[in-house]
Amino acid sequence: MGTYIILLVLVIVVFFAIKSSRTHLKGEGDCCGGSGETFTEKHLNQVLDQRKVYIGGIHCQNCEKKIKTAINKIAYLSCNDIENQKIAIIKANQMIKDDEIQEIIEKIGYKVEKIEKA
């Protein structure tokens, strides 16, 4: 009888693990610090500088939203697009330094692989 109870508990645990993994891999769960809040695009009146930033560690839409939100908190920066869960397009209404962008992104837990002037 004890074996059946243990087996039942294991089946339940595996069921919830698989369910959680499916949600995570589809980018629908609150993985990677997702809060469920909606992302609002930010548009600058004038764009004087632009960078293409290759970022490692993006797993889902919540990761993308976290990066875009962190960049958009800076008054003169805007990021509304992340291509292929890898490349962020960052616009600025003043000249920006690569080190500044790298610091913002790495501060929230992602790795900047390369930055190009766009």
C-alpha atoms as a PDB file:
ATOM      1  CA  MET A   1       0.000   0.000   0.000  1.00  0.00           C
ATOM      2  CA  GLY A   2       2.858   2.395   0.875  1.00  0.00           C
ATOM      3  CA  THR A   3       4.416   1.800  -2.551  1.00  0.00           C
ATOM      4  CA  TYR A   4       1.219   2.912  -4.293  1.00  0.00           C
ATOM      5  CA  ILE A   5       1.072   6.122  -2.265  1.00  0.00           C
ATOM      6  CA  ILE A   6       4.694   6.966  -3.091  1.00  0.00           C
ATOM      7  CA  LEU A   7       4.069   6.157  -6.753  1.00  0.00           C
ATOM      8  CA  LEU A   8       0.969   8.399  -6.802  1.00  0.00           C
ATOM      9  CA  VAL A   9       2.899  11.282  -5.231  1.00  0.00           C
ATOM     10  CA  LEU A  10       5.691  10.893  -7.808  1.00  0.00           C
ATOM     11  CA  VAL A  11       3.204  10.904 -10.689  1.00  0.00           C
ATOM     12  CA  ILE A  12       1.622  14.115  -9.371  1.00  0.00           C
ATOM     13  CA  VAL A  13       5.025  15.805  -8.972  1.00  0.00           C
ATOM     14  CA  VAL A  14       6.093  14.817 -12.497  1.00  0.00           C
ATOM     15  CA  PHE A  15       2.773  16.055 -13.921  1.00  0.00           C
ATOM     16  CA  PHE A  16       3.191  19.535 -12.409  1.00  0.00           C
ATOM     17  CA  ALA A  17       6.877  19.674 -13.411  1.00  0.00           C
ATOM     18  CA  ILE A  18       6.023  18.943 -17.041  1.00  0.00           C
ATOM     19  CA  LYS A  19       3.141  21.435 -17.013  1.00  0.00           C
ATOM     20  CA  SER A  20       5.377  24.159 -15.584  1.00  0.00           C
ATOM     21  CA  SER A  21       8.161  23.416 -18.084  1.00  0.00           C
ATOM     22  CA  ARG A  22       5.794  23.650 -21.059  1.00  0.00           C
ATOM     23  CA  THR A  23       4.535  27.048 -19.911  1.00  0.00           C
ATOM     24  CA  HIS A  24       8.101  28.272 -19.346  1.00  0.00           C
ATOM     25  CA  LEU A  25       9.406  27.084 -22.714  1.00  0.00           C
ATOM     26  CA  LYS A  26       6.512  28.728 -24.556  1.00  0.00           C
ATOM     27  CA  GLY A  27       7.368  32.056 -22.861  1.00  0.00           C
ATOM     28  CA  GLU A  28       3.966  32.297 -21.208  1.00  0.00           C
ATOM     29  CA  GLY A  29       4.885  31.819 -17.560  1.00  0.00           C
ATOM     30  CA  ASP A  30       6.317  34.248 -15.082  1.00  0.00           C
ATOM     31  CA  CYS A  31       9.795  32.848 -15.572  1.00  0.00           C
ATOM     32  CA  CYS A  32      12.865  35.031 -15.442  1.00  0.00           C
ATOM     33  CA  GLY A  33      11.190  37.523 -13.126  1.00  0.00           C
ATOM     34  CA  GLY A  34       8.138  38.189 -15.274  1.00  0.00           C
ATOM     35  CA  SER A  35       5.569  40.226 -13.413  1.00  0.00           C
ATOM     36  CA  GLY A  36       2.644  40.033 -15.802  1.00  0.00           C
ATOM     37  CA  GLU A  37       2.683  43.787 -16.428  1.00  0.00           C
ATOM     38  CA  THR A  38       2.248  45.020 -19.986  1.00  0.00           C
ATOM     39  CA  PHE A  39       5.087  46.701 -21.854  1.00  0.00           C
ATOM     40  CA  THR A  40       4.492  50.192 -23.228  1.00  0.00           C
ATOM     41  CA  GLU A  41       6.549  51.332 -26.200  1.00  0.00           C
ATOM     42  CA  LYS A  42       8.581  54.514 -25.828  1.00  0.00           C
ATOM     43  CA  HIS A  43       9.231  56.845 -28.759  1.00  0.00           C
ATOM     44  CA  LEU A  44      11.853  59.583 -28.813  1.00  0.00           C
ATOM     45  CA  ASN A  45      11.208  62.888 -30.594  1.00  0.00           C
ATOM     46  CA  GLN A  46      14.664  62.822 -32.139  1.00  0.00           C
ATOM     47  CA  VAL A  47      17.132  59.949 -32.616  1.00  0.00           C
ATOM     48  CA  LEU A  48      20.808  61.012 -32.638  1.00  0.00           C
ATOM     49  CA  ASP A  49      22.458  57.661 -31.879  1.00  0.00           C
ATOM     50  CA  GLN A  50      21.489  54.019 -32.304  1.00  0.00           C
ATOM     51  CA  ARG A  51      23.046  50.679 -31.286  1.00  0.00           C
ATOM     52  CA  LYS A  52      22.491  47.019 -32.094  1.00  0.00           C
ATOM     53  CA  VAL A  53      23.178  45.072 -28.903  1.00  0.00           C
ATOM     54  CA  TYR A  54      23.658  41.301 -28.983  1.00  0.00           C
ATOM     55  CA  ILE A  55      22.468  39.883 -25.654  1.00  0.00           C
ATOM     56  CA  GLY A  56      22.929  36.427 -24.177  1.00  0.00           C
ATOM     57  CA  GLY A  57      20.569  34.802 -21.700  1.00  0.00           C
ATOM     58  CA  ILE A  58      17.217  35.852 -23.166  1.00  0.00           C
ATOM     59  CA  HIS A  59      14.855  32.899 -22.804  1.00  0.00           C
ATOM     60  CA  CYS A  60      11.368  34.281 -23.338  1.00  0.00           C
ATOM     61  CA  GLN A  61       9.142  37.314 -23.777  1.00  0.00           C
ATOM     62  CA  ASN A  62       9.464  38.130 -20.074  1.00  0.00           C
ATOM     63  CA  CYS A  63      13.236  38.411 -20.496  1.00  0.00           C
ATOM     64  CA  GLU A  64      12.724  40.741 -23.468  1.00  0.00           C
ATOM     65  CA  LYS A  65      10.230  42.846 -21.514  1.00  0.00           C
ATOM     66  CA  LYS A  66      12.616  43.108 -18.552  1.00  0.00           C
ATOM     67  CA  ILE A  67      15.423  44.394 -20.803  1.00  0.00           C
ATOM     68  CA  LYS A  68      13.213  46.851 -22.712  1.00  0.00           C
ATOM     69  CA  THR A  69      11.742  48.192 -19.464  1.00  0.00           C
ATOM     70  CA  ALA A  70      15.198  48.739 -17.922  1.00  0.00           C
ATOM     71  CA  ILE A  71      16.418  50.623 -20.987  1.00  0.00           C
ATOM     72  CA  ASN A  72      13.248  52.695 -21.337  1.00  0.00           C
ATOM     73  CA  LYS A  73      13.583  53.885 -17.725  1.00  0.00           C
ATOM     74  CA  ILE A  74      16.508  56.031 -18.905  1.00  0.00           C
ATOM     75  CA  ALA A  75      15.016  59.312 -20.175  1.00  0.00           C
ATOM     76  CA  TYR A  76      17.123  59.572 -23.350  1.00  0.00           C
ATOM     77  CA  LEU A  77      17.053  55.854 -24.335  1.00  0.00           C
ATOM     78  CA  SER A  78      14.424  53.773 -26.090  1.00  0.00           C
ATOM     79  CA  CYS A  79      14.199  50.051 -26.846  1.00  0.00           C
ATOM     80  CA  ASN A  80      11.032  48.699 -28.417  1.00  0.00           C
ATOM     81  CA  ASP A  81      12.470  45.837 -30.468  1.00  0.00           C
ATOM     82  CA  ILE A  82      14.459  42.727 -29.621  1.00  0.00           C
ATOM     83  CA  GLU A  83      14.990  40.565 -32.688  1.00  0.00           C
ATOM     84  CA  ASN A  84      15.175  36.751 -32.469  1.00  0.00           C
ATOM     85  CA  GLN A  85      15.421  36.914 -28.643  1.00  0.00           C
ATOM     86  CA  LYS A  86      18.981  38.110 -29.134  1.00  0.00           C
ATOM     87  CA  ILE A  87      19.448  41.572 -30.674  1.00  0.00           C
ATOM     88  CA  ALA A  88      18.151  44.741 -28.982  1.00  0.00           C
ATOM     89  CA  ILE A  89      17.787  47.890 -31.064  1.00  0.00           C
ATOM     90  CA  ILE A  90      18.508  50.826 -28.759  1.00  0.00           C
ATOM     91  CA  LYS A  91      17.868  54.415 -29.832  1.00  0.00           C
ATOM     92  CA  ALA A  92      18.984  57.581 -28.061  1.00  0.00           C
ATOM     93  CA  ASN A  93      18.295  61.288 -28.379  1.00  0.00           C
ATOM     94  CA  GLN A  94      21.904  62.045 -27.398  1.00  0.00           C
ATOM     95  CA  MET A  95      25.269  60.366 -27.957  1.00  0.00           C
ATOM     96  CA  ILE A  96      25.660  57.245 -25.814  1.00  0.00           C
ATOM     97  CA  LYS A  97      28.566  55.064 -24.735  1.00  0.00           C
ATOM     98  CA  ASP A  98      28.679  51.300 -25.156  1.00  0.00           C
ATOM     99  CA  ASP A  99      29.770  50.935 -21.507  1.00  0.00           C
ATOM    100  CA  GLU A 100      26.569  52.627 -20.350  1.00  0.00           C
ATOM    101  CA  ILE A 101      24.371  50.233 -22.319  1.00  0.00           C
ATOM    102  CA  GLN A 102      26.376  47.241 -21.131  1.00  0.00           C
ATOM    103  CA  GLU A 103      26.022  48.315 -17.496  1.00  0.00           C
ATOM    104  CA  ILE A 104      22.228  48.681 -17.757  1.00  0.00           C
ATOM    105  CA  ILE A 105      21.789  45.233 -19.311  1.00  0.00           C
ATOM    106  CA  GLU A 106      24.263  43.355 -17.121  1.00  0.00           C
ATOM    107  CA  LYS A 107      22.852  44.967 -13.976  1.00  0.00           C
ATOM    108  CA  ILE A 108      19.572  43.082 -14.561  1.00  0.00           C
ATOM    109  CA  GLY A 109      21.336  39.757 -15.166  1.00  0.00           C
ATOM    110  CA  TYR A 110      21.957  39.406 -18.909  1.00  0.00           C
ATOM    111  CA  LYS A 111      25.224  39.221 -20.827  1.00  0.00           C
ATOM    112  CA  VAL A 112      26.157  41.712 -23.540  1.00  0.00           C
ATOM    113  CA  GLU A 113      27.986  39.763 -26.237  1.00  0.00           C
ATOM    114  CA  LYS A 114      28.582  42.556 -28.738  1.00  0.00           C
ATOM    115  CA  ILE A 115      27.532  46.153 -29.430  1.00  0.00           C
ATOM    116  CA  GLU A 116      27.481  47.649 -32.932  1.00  0.00           C
ATOM    117  CA  LYS A 117      26.677  51.148 -34.103  1.00  0.00           C
ATOM    118  CA  ALA A 118      23.483  50.829 -36.141  1.00  0.00           C
END
